Every structure is written in structure tokens, then in C-alpha cells.
Amino acid sequence: MLLLLRILSFTVGAATAWRVLDGTMTSPLFKVPELVLGSALVIASLMPRGVAPTALIAASTYALGVFSVSLANHLAPGHAMEPLLIAAMAVNLTTLLLLFPRGSHH
């Protein structure tokens, strides 16, 4: 499961960074945050096995926050919805739900 989440996080991070560097992003407001989140997801997916879950949780949380603000921007009248944004958010949410520690040690 961790390997699949690493591959998905790497893919989302690399695709996000590529969109920024390629110039296909339409909103200049999100260029720096999305470049940072792309880098964070790629770096977290390449971490050693012992720290990878924690790194993926942190990077996915940041990515989900940036993508949520971007989604709110796209919900304004006149903006087209991007299905890739929803898919990236789904990957980040799945990563959080599967890796976040659960238990009764409260």
C-alpha cells in the first residue's frame, strides 16, 4: 500500500510541478505554492521507508490545502472546472486517510 501511495504522490507532485514550469497554469497566484507542493510530494515519496508515511502525511496535507484554495478559486463564475484538480485532491485525501495513525491511545 505504501508503494502505491508513494507512486501516486510522486505522480501528482511531478505533474503539478511540470504544469507550473511548463507555463500551462492559468493562475499566477498559485504558481509558487503549487511548485512548493509539487516538490514536497516528490521529496516525500522518495523518503526512506521509516519516515515516508510521516512525510507523505505532511506533504499531502499541505497539497490538499493549496488544492482546496485553488478549487475555491475555480468555483467562481466564469471559471472552468479542472478534473485533474479533483483527481489530485482525491489522491491526497486517500493518502491522508490510509496513512494517518489510528488507535485508541488518546
PDB file of N, CA and C in Angstrom:
ATOM      1  N   MET A   1       0.825  -1.191   0.000  1.00  0.00           N
ATOM      2  CA  MET A   1       0.000   0.000   0.000  1.00  0.00           C
ATOM      3  C   MET A   1       0.870   1.257   0.000  1.00  0.00           C
ATOM      4  N   LEU A   2       1.947   1.239   0.806  1.00  0.00           N
ATOM      5  CA  LEU A   2       2.814   2.405   0.871  1.00  0.00           C
ATOM      6  C   LEU A   2       3.464   2.680  -0.478  1.00  0.00           C
ATOM      7  N   LEU A   3       3.842   1.621  -1.194  1.00  0.00           N
ATOM      8  CA  LEU A   3       4.458   1.802  -2.504  1.00  0.00           C
ATOM      9  C   LEU A   3       3.483   2.473  -3.475  1.00  0.00           C
ATOM     10  N   LEU A   4       2.224   2.042  -3.464  1.00  0.00           N
ATOM     11  CA  LEU A   4       1.218   2.642  -4.343  1.00  0.00           C
ATOM     12  C   LEU A   4       1.000   4.116  -3.995  1.00  0.00           C
ATOM     13  N   LEU A   5       0.924   4.428  -2.699  1.00  0.00           N
ATOM     14  CA  LEU A   5       0.741   5.823  -2.288  1.00  0.00           C
ATOM     15  C   LEU A   5       1.954   6.665  -2.658  1.00  0.00           C
ATOM     16  N   ARG A   6       3.147   6.083  -2.573  1.00  0.00           N
ATOM     17  CA  ARG A   6       4.360   6.799  -2.993  1.00  0.00           C
ATOM     18  C   ARG A   6       4.317   7.105  -4.491  1.00  0.00           C
ATOM     19  N   ILE A   7       3.923   6.114  -5.289  1.00  0.00           N
ATOM     20  CA  ILE A   7       3.857   6.307  -6.740  1.00  0.00           C
ATOM     21  C   ILE A   7       2.821   7.370  -7.092  1.00  0.00           C
ATOM     22  N   LEU A   8       1.649   7.293  -6.466  1.00  0.00           N
ATOM     23  CA  LEU A   8       0.597   8.283  -6.741  1.00  0.00           C
ATOM     24  C   LEU A   8       1.025   9.684  -6.309  1.00  0.00           C
ATOM     25  N   SER A   9       1.652   9.797  -5.139  1.00  0.00           N
ATOM     26  CA  SER A   9       2.100  11.110  -4.657  1.00  0.00           C
ATOM     27  C   SER A   9       3.198  11.667  -5.555  1.00  0.00           C
ATOM     28  N   PHE A  10       4.104  10.815  -5.986  1.00  0.00           N
ATOM     29  CA  PHE A  10       5.163  11.251  -6.902  1.00  0.00           C
ATOM     30  C   PHE A  10       4.557  11.751  -8.212  1.00  0.00           C
ATOM     31  N   THR A  11       3.574  11.017  -8.719  1.00  0.00           N
ATOM     32  CA  THR A  11       2.932  11.403  -9.976  1.00  0.00           C
ATOM     33  C   THR A  11       2.217  12.745  -9.853  1.00  0.00           C
ATOM     34  N   VAL A  12       1.450  12.925  -8.782  1.00  0.00           N
ATOM     35  CA  VAL A  12       0.739  14.190  -8.576  1.00  0.00           C
ATOM     36  C   VAL A  12       1.737  15.338  -8.397  1.00  0.00           C
ATOM     37  N   GLY A  13       2.778  15.107  -7.607  1.00  0.00           N
ATOM     38  CA  GLY A  13       3.775  16.146  -7.377  1.00  0.00           C
ATOM     39  C   GLY A  13       4.518  16.526  -8.645  1.00  0.00           C
ATOM     40  N   ALA A  14       4.950  15.528  -9.399  1.00  0.00           N
ATOM     41  CA  ALA A  14       5.680  15.803 -10.636  1.00  0.00           C
ATOM     42  C   ALA A  14       4.788  16.487 -11.669  1.00  0.00           C
ATOM     43  N   ALA A  15       3.537  16.047 -11.774  1.00  0.00           N
ATOM     44  CA  ALA A  15       2.614  16.667 -12.738  1.00  0.00           C
ATOM     45  C   ALA A  15       2.301  18.109 -12.353  1.00  0.00           C
ATOM     46  N   THR A  16       2.151  18.363 -11.065  1.00  0.00           N
ATOM     47  CA  THR A  16       1.872  19.725 -10.610  1.00  0.00           C
ATOM     48  C   THR A  16       3.066  20.635 -10.873  1.00  0.00           C
ATOM     49  N   ALA A  17       4.254  20.178 -10.526  1.00  0.00           N
ATOM     50  CA  ALA A  17       5.458  20.981 -10.781  1.00  0.00           C
ATOM     51  C   ALA A  17       5.666  21.193 -12.271  1.00  0.00           C
ATOM     52  N   TRP A  18       5.383  20.170 -13.059  1.00  0.00           N
ATOM     53  CA  TRP A  18       5.543  20.297 -14.521  1.00  0.00           C
ATOM     54  C   TRP A  18       4.594  21.353 -15.080  1.00  0.00           C
ATOM     55  N   ARG A  19       3.348  21.361 -14.602  1.00  0.00           N
ATOM     56  CA  ARG A  19       2.384  22.363 -15.086  1.00  0.00           C
ATOM     57  C   ARG A  19       2.861  23.778 -14.769  1.00  0.00           C
ATOM     58  N   VAL A  20       3.480  23.953 -13.611  1.00  0.00           N
ATOM     59  CA  VAL A  20       3.978  25.282 -13.243  1.00  0.00           C
ATOM     60  C   VAL A  20       5.164  25.655 -14.123  1.00  0.00           C
ATOM     61  N   LEU A  21       6.119  24.750 -14.254  1.00  0.00           N
ATOM     62  CA  LEU A  21       7.335  25.036 -15.009  1.00  0.00           C
ATOM     63  C   LEU A  21       7.091  25.123 -16.511  1.00  0.00           C
ATOM     64  N   ASP A  22       6.084  24.400 -16.990  1.00  0.00           N
ATOM     65  CA  ASP A  22       5.753  24.399 -18.413  1.00  0.00           C
ATOM     66  C   ASP A  22       4.989  25.650 -18.831  1.00  0.00           C
ATOM     67  N   GLY A  23       4.393  26.326 -17.856  1.00  0.00           N
ATOM     68  CA  GLY A  23       3.634  27.533 -18.162  1.00  0.00           C
ATOM     69  C   GLY A  23       2.185  27.277 -18.499  1.00  0.00           C
ATOM     70  N   THR A  24       1.677  26.075 -18.240  1.00  0.00           N
ATOM     71  CA  THR A  24       0.279  25.782 -18.564  1.00  0.00           C
ATOM     72  C   THR A  24      -0.678  26.173 -17.443  1.00  0.00           C
ATOM     73  N   MET A  25      -0.142  26.634 -16.310  1.00  0.00           N
ATOM     74  CA  MET A  25      -1.009  27.115 -15.232  1.00  0.00           C
ATOM     75  C   MET A  25      -1.608  28.451 -15.622  1.00  0.00           C
ATOM     76  N   THR A  26      -2.867  28.631 -15.314  1.00  0.00           N
ATOM     77  CA  THR A  26      -3.538  29.859 -15.707  1.00  0.00           C
ATOM     78  C   THR A  26      -3.526  30.917 -14.611  1.00  0.00           C
ATOM     79  N   SER A  27      -3.378  30.509 -13.368  1.00  0.00           N
ATOM     80  CA  SER A  27      -3.449  31.454 -12.258  1.00  0.00           C
ATOM     81  C   SER A  27      -2.048  31.761 -11.717  1.00  0.00           C
ATOM     82  N   PRO A  28      -1.593  33.001 -11.858  1.00  0.00           N
ATOM     83  CA  PRO A  28      -0.260  33.334 -11.340  1.00  0.00           C
ATOM     84  C   PRO A  28      -0.208  33.342  -9.811  1.00  0.00           C
ATOM     85  N   LEU A  29      -1.360  33.431  -9.161  1.00  0.00           N
ATOM     86  CA  LEU A  29      -1.412  33.451  -7.707  1.00  0.00           C
ATOM     87  C   LEU A  29      -0.928  32.141  -7.088  1.00  0.00           C
ATOM     88  N   PHE A  30      -1.120  31.028  -7.797  1.00  0.00           N
ATOM     89  CA  PHE A  30      -0.818  29.711  -7.234  1.00  0.00           C
ATOM     90  C   PHE A  30       0.493  29.123  -7.744  1.00  0.00           C
ATOM     91  N   LYS A  31       1.273  29.862  -8.506  1.00  0.00           N
ATOM     92  CA  LYS A  31       2.491  29.283  -9.076  1.00  0.00           C
ATOM     93  C   LYS A  31       3.493  28.848  -8.014  1.00  0.00           C
ATOM     94  N   VAL A  32       3.785  29.689  -7.060  1.00  0.00           N
ATOM     95  CA  VAL A  32       4.769  29.336  -6.028  1.00  0.00           C
ATOM     96  C   VAL A  32       4.228  28.253  -5.086  1.00  0.00           C
ATOM     97  N   PRO A  33       3.006  28.385  -4.552  1.00  0.00           N
ATOM     98  CA  PRO A  33       2.512  27.309  -3.680  1.00  0.00           C
ATOM     99  C   PRO A  33       2.431  25.954  -4.383  1.00  0.00           C
ATOM    100  N   GLU A  34       2.039  25.930  -5.649  1.00  0.00           N
ATOM    101  CA  GLU A  34       1.928  24.656  -6.346  1.00  0.00           C
ATOM    102  C   GLU A  34       3.299  24.100  -6.705  1.00  0.00           C
ATOM    103  N   LEU A  35       4.269  24.947  -6.955  1.00  0.00           N
ATOM    104  CA  LEU A  35       5.629  24.458  -7.185  1.00  0.00           C
ATOM    105  C   LEU A  35       6.205  23.872  -5.899  1.00  0.00           C
ATOM    106  N   VAL A  36       5.933  24.519  -4.770  1.00  0.00           N
ATOM    107  CA  VAL A  36       6.392  24.005  -3.474  1.00  0.00           C
ATOM    108  C   VAL A  36       5.708  22.683  -3.152  1.00  0.00           C
ATOM    109  N   LEU A  37       4.401  22.588  -3.375  1.00  0.00           N
ATOM    110  CA  LEU A  37       3.706  21.336  -3.058  1.00  0.00           C
ATOM    111  C   LEU A  37       4.137  20.221  -3.983  1.00  0.00           C
ATOM    112  N   GLY A  38       4.407  20.539  -5.239  1.00  0.00           N
ATOM    113  CA  GLY A  38       4.922  19.515  -6.150  1.00  0.00           C
ATOM    114  C   GLY A  38       6.258  18.973  -5.672  1.00  0.00           C
ATOM    115  N   SER A  39       7.130  19.877  -5.259  1.00  0.00           N
ATOM    116  CA  SER A  39       8.434  19.462  -4.733  1.00  0.00           C
ATOM    117  C   SER A  39       8.275  18.663  -3.444  1.00  0.00           C
ATOM    118  N   ALA A  40       7.383  19.110  -2.573  1.00  0.00           N
ATOM    119  CA  ALA A  40       7.174  18.418  -1.298  1.00  0.00           C
ATOM    120  C   ALA A  40       6.648  16.997  -1.521  1.00  0.00           C
ATOM    121  N   LEU A  41       5.722  16.829  -2.450  1.00  0.00           N
ATOM    122  CA  LEU A  41       5.189  15.492  -2.716  1.00  0.00           C
ATOM    123  C   LEU A  41       6.248  14.575  -3.316  1.00  0.00           C
ATOM    124  N   VAL A  42       7.051  15.101  -4.225  1.00  0.00           N
ATOM    125  CA  VAL A  42       8.110  14.286  -4.832  1.00  0.00           C
ATOM    126  C   VAL A  42       9.145  13.891  -3.783  1.00  0.00           C
ATOM    127  N   ILE A  43       9.573  14.854  -2.978  1.00  0.00           N
ATOM    128  CA  ILE A  43      10.576  14.560  -1.947  1.00  0.00           C
ATOM    129  C   ILE A  43      10.018  13.573  -0.923  1.00  0.00           C
ATOM    130  N   ALA A  44       8.777  13.760  -0.499  1.00  0.00           N
ATOM    131  CA  ALA A  44       8.169  12.854   0.486  1.00  0.00           C
ATOM    132  C   ALA A  44       8.037  11.439  -0.061  1.00  0.00           C
ATOM    133  N   SER A  45       7.759  11.315  -1.348  1.00  0.00           N
ATOM    134  CA  SER A  45       7.604   9.980  -1.917  1.00  0.00           C
ATOM    135  C   SER A  45       8.939   9.260  -2.062  1.00  0.00           C
ATOM    136  N   LEU A  46      10.031   9.992  -2.029  1.00  0.00           N
ATOM    137  CA  LEU A  46      11.356   9.390  -2.151  1.00  0.00           C
ATOM    138  C   LEU A  46      12.060   9.181  -0.812  1.00  0.00           C
ATOM    139  N   MET A  47      11.403   9.511   0.279  1.00  0.00           N
ATOM    140  CA  MET A  47      11.995   9.345   1.610  1.00  0.00           C
ATOM    141  C   MET A  47      12.155   7.869   1.956  1.00  0.00           C
ATOM    142  N   PRO A  48      13.071   7.564   2.891  1.00  0.00           N
ATOM    143  CA  PRO A  48      13.212   6.167   3.343  1.00  0.00           C
ATOM    144  C   PRO A  48      11.919   5.658   3.989  1.00  0.00           C
ATOM    145  N   ARG A  49      11.784   4.360   4.011  1.00  0.00           N
ATOM    146  CA  ARG A  49      10.543   3.724   4.468  1.00  0.00           C
ATOM    147  C   ARG A  49      10.129   4.140   5.879  1.00  0.00           C
ATOM    148  N   GLY A  50      11.063   4.379   6.761  1.00  0.00           N
ATOM    149  CA  GLY A  50      10.730   4.718   8.142  1.00  0.00           C
ATOM    150  C   GLY A  50      10.065   6.068   8.308  1.00  0.00           C
ATOM    151  N   VAL A  51      10.443   7.038   7.489  1.00  0.00           N
ATOM    152  CA  VAL A  51       9.886   8.389   7.618  1.00  0.00           C
ATOM    153  C   VAL A  51       8.915   8.734   6.491  1.00  0.00           C
ATOM    154  N   ALA A  52       8.776   7.837   5.524  1.00  0.00           N
ATOM    155  CA  ALA A  52       7.902   8.124   4.381  1.00  0.00           C
ATOM    156  C   ALA A  52       6.450   8.382   4.772  1.00  0.00           C
ATOM    157  N   PRO A  53       5.839   7.574   5.659  1.00  0.00           N
ATOM    158  CA  PRO A  53       4.441   7.866   5.996  1.00  0.00           C
ATOM    159  C   PRO A  53       4.238   9.255   6.606  1.00  0.00           C
ATOM    160  N   THR A  54       5.124   9.644   7.514  1.00  0.00           N
ATOM    161  CA  THR A  54       5.003  10.969   8.126  1.00  0.00           C
ATOM    162  C   THR A  54       5.215  12.068   7.094  1.00  0.00           C
ATOM    163  N   ALA A  55       6.207  11.892   6.234  1.00  0.00           N
ATOM    164  CA  ALA A  55       6.477  12.889   5.194  1.00  0.00           C
ATOM    165  C   ALA A  55       5.320  12.982   4.204  1.00  0.00           C
ATOM    166  N   LEU A  56       4.744  11.842   3.845  1.00  0.00           N
ATOM    167  CA  LEU A  56       3.608  11.849   2.917  1.00  0.00           C
ATOM    168  C   LEU A  56       2.376  12.491   3.543  1.00  0.00           C
ATOM    169  N   ILE A  57       2.175  12.281   4.839  1.00  0.00           N
ATOM    170  CA  ILE A  57       1.049  12.928   5.519  1.00  0.00           C
ATOM    171  C   ILE A  57       1.228  14.444   5.502  1.00  0.00           C
ATOM    172  N   ALA A  58       2.427  14.915   5.837  1.00  0.00           N
ATOM    173  CA  ALA A  58       2.680  16.361   5.866  1.00  0.00           C
ATOM    174  C   ALA A  58       2.544  16.975   4.476  1.00  0.00           C
ATOM    175  N   ALA A  59       3.140  16.341   3.472  1.00  0.00           N
ATOM    176  CA  ALA A  59       3.084  16.884   2.110  1.00  0.00           C
ATOM    177  C   ALA A  59       1.662  16.831   1.555  1.00  0.00           C
ATOM    178  N   SER A  60       0.942  15.754   1.836  1.00  0.00           N
ATOM    179  CA  SER A  60      -0.432  15.633   1.336  1.00  0.00           C
ATOM    180  C   SER A  60      -1.365  16.629   2.011  1.00  0.00           C
ATOM    181  N   THR A  61      -1.129  16.907   3.280  1.00  0.00           N
ATOM    182  CA  THR A  61      -1.940  17.902   3.982  1.00  0.00           C
ATOM    183  C   THR A  61      -1.731  19.285   3.373  1.00  0.00           C
ATOM    184  N   TYR A  62      -0.475  19.634   3.128  1.00  0.00           N
ATOM    185  CA  TYR A  62      -0.183  20.926   2.504  1.00  0.00           C
ATOM    186  C   TYR A  62      -0.789  20.986   1.097  1.00  0.00           C
ATOM    187  N   ALA A  63      -0.625  19.908   0.343  1.00  0.00           N
ATOM    188  CA  ALA A  63      -1.157  19.877  -1.019  1.00  0.00           C
ATOM    189  C   ALA A  63      -2.672  19.992  -1.027  1.00  0.00           C
ATOM    190  N   LEU A  64      -3.329  19.298  -0.113  1.00  0.00           N
ATOM    191  CA  LEU A  64      -4.789  19.367  -0.046  1.00  0.00           C
ATOM    192  C   LEU A  64      -5.255  20.779   0.292  1.00  0.00           C
ATOM    193  N   GLY A  65      -4.516  21.466   1.144  1.00  0.00           N
ATOM    194  CA  GLY A  65      -4.859  22.854   1.467  1.00  0.00           C
ATOM    195  C   GLY A  65      -4.721  23.776   0.268  1.00  0.00           C
ATOM    196  N   VAL A  66      -3.616  23.656  -0.447  1.00  0.00           N
ATOM    197  CA  VAL A  66      -3.398  24.509  -1.636  1.00  0.00           C
ATOM    198  C   VAL A  66      -4.421  24.174  -2.712  1.00  0.00           C
ATOM    199  N   PHE A  67      -4.668  22.877  -2.928  1.00  0.00           N
ATOM    200  CA  PHE A  67      -5.655  22.486  -3.938  1.00  0.00           C
ATOM    201  C   PHE A  67      -7.060  22.936  -3.553  1.00  0.00           C
ATOM    202  N   SER A  68      -7.379  22.963  -2.263  1.00  0.00           N
ATOM    203  CA  SER A  68      -8.705  23.422  -1.823  1.00  0.00           C
ATOM    204  C   SER A  68      -8.906  24.898  -2.126  1.00  0.00           C
ATOM    205  N   VAL A  69      -7.885  25.696  -1.877  1.00  0.00           N
ATOM    206  CA  VAL A  69      -7.976  27.126  -2.193  1.00  0.00           C
ATOM    207  C   VAL A  69      -8.067  27.318  -3.700  1.00  0.00           C
ATOM    208  N   SER A  70      -7.315  26.534  -4.446  1.00  0.00           N
ATOM    209  CA  SER A  70      -7.385  26.610  -5.902  1.00  0.00           C
ATOM    210  C   SER A  70      -8.765  26.210  -6.404  1.00  0.00           C
ATOM    211  N   LEU A  71      -9.353  25.183  -5.794  1.00  0.00           N
ATOM    212  CA  LEU A  71     -10.702  24.767  -6.169  1.00  0.00           C
ATOM    213  C   LEU A  71     -11.715  25.868  -5.879  1.00  0.00           C
ATOM    214  N   ALA A  72     -11.571  26.521  -4.739  1.00  0.00           N
ATOM    215  CA  ALA A  72     -12.471  27.630  -4.405  1.00  0.00           C
ATOM    216  C   ALA A  72     -12.353  28.748  -5.434  1.00  0.00           C
ATOM    217  N   ASN A  73     -11.159  28.964  -5.939  1.00  0.00           N
ATOM    218  CA  ASN A  73     -10.943  29.974  -6.983  1.00  0.00           C
ATOM    219  C   ASN A  73     -11.628  29.556  -8.285  1.00  0.00           C
ATOM    220  N   HIS A  74     -11.625  28.254  -8.577  1.00  0.00           N
ATOM    221  CA  HIS A  74     -12.251  27.763  -9.805  1.00  0.00           C
ATOM    222  C   HIS A  74     -13.769  27.753  -9.715  1.00  0.00           C
ATOM    223  N   LEU A  75     -14.311  27.808  -8.509  1.00  0.00           N
ATOM    224  CA  LEU A  75     -15.763  27.795  -8.365  1.00  0.00           C
ATOM    225  C   LEU A  75     -16.389  29.158  -8.624  1.00  0.00           C
ATOM    226  N   ALA A  76     -15.556  30.158  -8.816  1.00  0.00           N
ATOM    227  CA  ALA A  76     -16.068  31.489  -9.141  1.00  0.00           C
ATOM    228  C   ALA A  76     -16.724  31.446 -10.522  1.00  0.00           C
ATOM    229  N   PRO A  77     -17.705  32.296 -10.746  1.00  0.00           N
ATOM    230  CA  PRO A  77     -18.393  32.302 -12.041  1.00  0.00           C
ATOM    231  C   PRO A  77     -17.421  32.576 -13.189  1.00  0.00           C
ATOM    232  N   GLY A  78     -17.582  31.827 -14.255  1.00  0.00           N
ATOM    233  CA  GLY A  78     -16.776  32.039 -15.441  1.00  0.00           C
ATOM    234  C   GLY A  78     -15.512  31.197 -15.511  1.00  0.00           C
ATOM    235  N   HIS A  79     -15.192  30.449 -14.480  1.00  0.00           N
ATOM    236  CA  HIS A  79     -14.010  29.594 -14.497  1.00  0.00           C
ATOM    237  C   HIS A  79     -14.412  28.154 -14.806  1.00  0.00           C
ATOM    238  N   ALA A  80     -13.614  27.502 -15.631  1.00  0.00           N
ATOM    239  CA  ALA A  80     -13.877  26.100 -15.956  1.00  0.00           C
ATOM    240  C   ALA A  80     -13.319  25.192 -14.861  1.00  0.00           C
ATOM    241  N   MET A  81     -14.013  24.110 -14.575  1.00  0.00           N
ATOM    242  CA  MET A  81     -13.567  23.153 -13.569  1.00  0.00           C
ATOM    243  C   MET A  81     -12.493  22.253 -14.176  1.00  0.00           C
ATOM    244  N   GLU A  82     -11.458  21.961 -13.409  1.00  0.00           N
ATOM    245  CA  GLU A  82     -10.389  21.088 -13.871  1.00  0.00           C
ATOM    246  C   GLU A  82     -10.527  19.719 -13.213  1.00  0.00           C
ATOM    247  N   PRO A  83     -10.803  18.664 -13.995  1.00  0.00           N
ATOM    248  CA  PRO A  83     -10.935  17.328 -13.422  1.00  0.00           C
ATOM    249  C   PRO A  83      -9.632  16.832 -12.785  1.00  0.00           C
ATOM    250  N   LEU A  84      -8.489  17.272 -13.312  1.00  0.00           N
ATOM    251  CA  LEU A  84      -7.213  16.851 -12.734  1.00  0.00           C
ATOM    252  C   LEU A  84      -7.038  17.388 -11.319  1.00  0.00           C
ATOM    253  N   LEU A  85      -7.612  18.543 -11.037  1.00  0.00           N
ATOM    254  CA  LEU A  85      -7.546  19.104  -9.690  1.00  0.00           C
ATOM    255  C   LEU A  85      -8.312  18.222  -8.710  1.00  0.00           C
ATOM    256  N   ILE A  86      -9.492  17.774  -9.116  1.00  0.00           N
ATOM    257  CA  ILE A  86     -10.291  16.881  -8.271  1.00  0.00           C
ATOM    258  C   ILE A  86      -9.565  15.552  -8.079  1.00  0.00           C
ATOM    259  N   ALA A  87      -8.937  15.033  -9.132  1.00  0.00           N
ATOM    260  CA  ALA A  87      -8.204  13.769  -9.023  1.00  0.00           C
ATOM    261  C   ALA A  87      -7.012  13.911  -8.080  1.00  0.00           C
ATOM    262  N   ALA A  88      -6.296  15.026  -8.172  1.00  0.00           N
ATOM    263  CA  ALA A  88      -5.161  15.246  -7.282  1.00  0.00           C
ATOM    264  C   ALA A  88      -5.613  15.365  -5.836  1.00  0.00           C
ATOM    265  N   MET A  89      -6.736  16.032  -5.611  1.00  0.00           N
ATOM    266  CA  MET A  89      -7.275  16.133  -4.255  1.00  0.00           C
ATOM    267  C   MET A  89      -7.689  14.757  -3.733  1.00  0.00           C
ATOM    268  N   ALA A  90      -8.236  13.917  -4.596  1.00  0.00           N
ATOM    269  CA  ALA A  90      -8.639  12.570  -4.182  1.00  0.00           C
ATOM    270  C   ALA A  90      -7.417  11.734  -3.778  1.00  0.00           C
ATOM    271  N   VAL A  91      -6.324  11.872  -4.509  1.00  0.00           N
ATOM    272  CA  VAL A  91      -5.094  11.152  -4.160  1.00  0.00           C
ATOM    273  C   VAL A  91      -4.587  11.618  -2.801  1.00  0.00           C
ATOM    274  N   ASN A  92      -4.575  12.934  -2.576  1.00  0.00           N
ATOM    275  CA  ASN A  92      -4.092  13.457  -1.301  1.00  0.00           C
ATOM    276  C   ASN A  92      -4.987  13.042  -0.142  1.00  0.00           C
ATOM    277  N   LEU A  93      -6.289  13.078  -0.334  1.00  0.00           N
ATOM    278  CA  LEU A  93      -7.214  12.674   0.719  1.00  0.00           C
ATOM    279  C   LEU A  93      -7.084  11.185   1.020  1.00  0.00           C
ATOM    280  N   THR A  94      -6.941  10.379  -0.013  1.00  0.00           N
ATOM    281  CA  THR A  94      -6.746   8.935   0.188  1.00  0.00           C
ATOM    282  C   THR A  94      -5.461   8.663   0.950  1.00  0.00           C
ATOM    283  N   THR A  95      -4.399   9.371   0.612  1.00  0.00           N
ATOM    284  CA  THR A  95      -3.126   9.210   1.320  1.00  0.00           C
ATOM    285  C   THR A  95      -3.296   9.535   2.800  1.00  0.00           C
ATOM    286  N   LEU A  96      -3.988  10.629   3.079  1.00  0.00           N
ATOM    287  CA  LEU A  96      -4.205  11.002   4.479  1.00  0.00           C
ATOM    288  C   LEU A  96      -5.027   9.964   5.224  1.00  0.00           C
ATOM    289  N   LEU A  97      -6.092   9.495   4.611  1.00  0.00           N
ATOM    290  CA  LEU A  97      -6.971   8.542   5.288  1.00  0.00           C
ATOM    291  C   LEU A  97      -6.292   7.193   5.525  1.00  0.00           C
ATOM    292  N   LEU A  98      -5.434   6.782   4.604  1.00  0.00           N
ATOM    293  CA  LEU A  98      -4.784   5.486   4.753  1.00  0.00           C
ATOM    294  C   LEU A  98      -3.550   5.523   5.651  1.00  0.00           C
ATOM    295  N   LEU A  99      -2.864   6.655   5.715  1.00  0.00           N
ATOM    296  CA  LEU A  99      -1.612   6.707   6.479  1.00  0.00           C
ATOM    297  C   LEU A  99      -1.750   7.341   7.853  1.00  0.00           C
ATOM    298  N   PHE A 100      -2.812   8.101   8.084  1.00  0.00           N
ATOM    299  CA  PHE A 100      -2.945   8.773   9.375  1.00  0.00           C
ATOM    300  C   PHE A 100      -3.099   7.728  10.470  1.00  0.00           C
ATOM    301  N   PRO A 101      -2.329   7.845  11.553  1.00  0.00           N
ATOM    302  CA  PRO A 101      -2.387   6.820  12.604  1.00  0.00           C
ATOM    303  C   PRO A 101      -3.763   6.760  13.265  1.00  0.00           C
ATOM    304  N   ARG A 102      -4.221   5.539  13.459  1.00  0.00           N
ATOM    305  CA  ARG A 102      -5.499   5.313  14.134  1.00  0.00           C
ATOM    306  C   ARG A 102      -5.226   4.502  15.384  1.00  0.00           C
ATOM    307  N   GLY A 103      -6.100   4.592  16.309  1.00  0.00           N
ATOM    308  CA  GLY A 103      -5.942   3.800  17.532  1.00  0.00           C
ATOM    309  C   GLY A 103      -6.712   4.396  18.673  1.00  0.00           C
ATOM    310  N   SER A 104      -6.695   3.696  19.777  1.00  0.00           N
ATOM    311  CA  SER A 104      -7.447   4.138  20.950  1.00  0.00           C
ATOM    312  C   SER A 104      -6.522   4.648  22.049  1.00  0.00           C
ATOM    313  N   HIS A 105      -5.358   5.136  21.695  1.00  0.00           N
ATOM    314  CA  HIS A 105      -4.405   5.617  22.684  1.00  0.00           C
ATOM    315  C   HIS A 105      -4.518   7.136  22.890  1.00  0.00           C
ATOM    316  N   HIS A 106      -5.720   7.600  23.154  1.00  0.00           N
ATOM    317  CA  HIS A 106      -5.947   9.048  23.357  1.00  0.00           C
ATOM    318  C   HIS A 106      -5.714   9.424  24.784  1.00  0.00           C
TER     319      HIS A 106
END
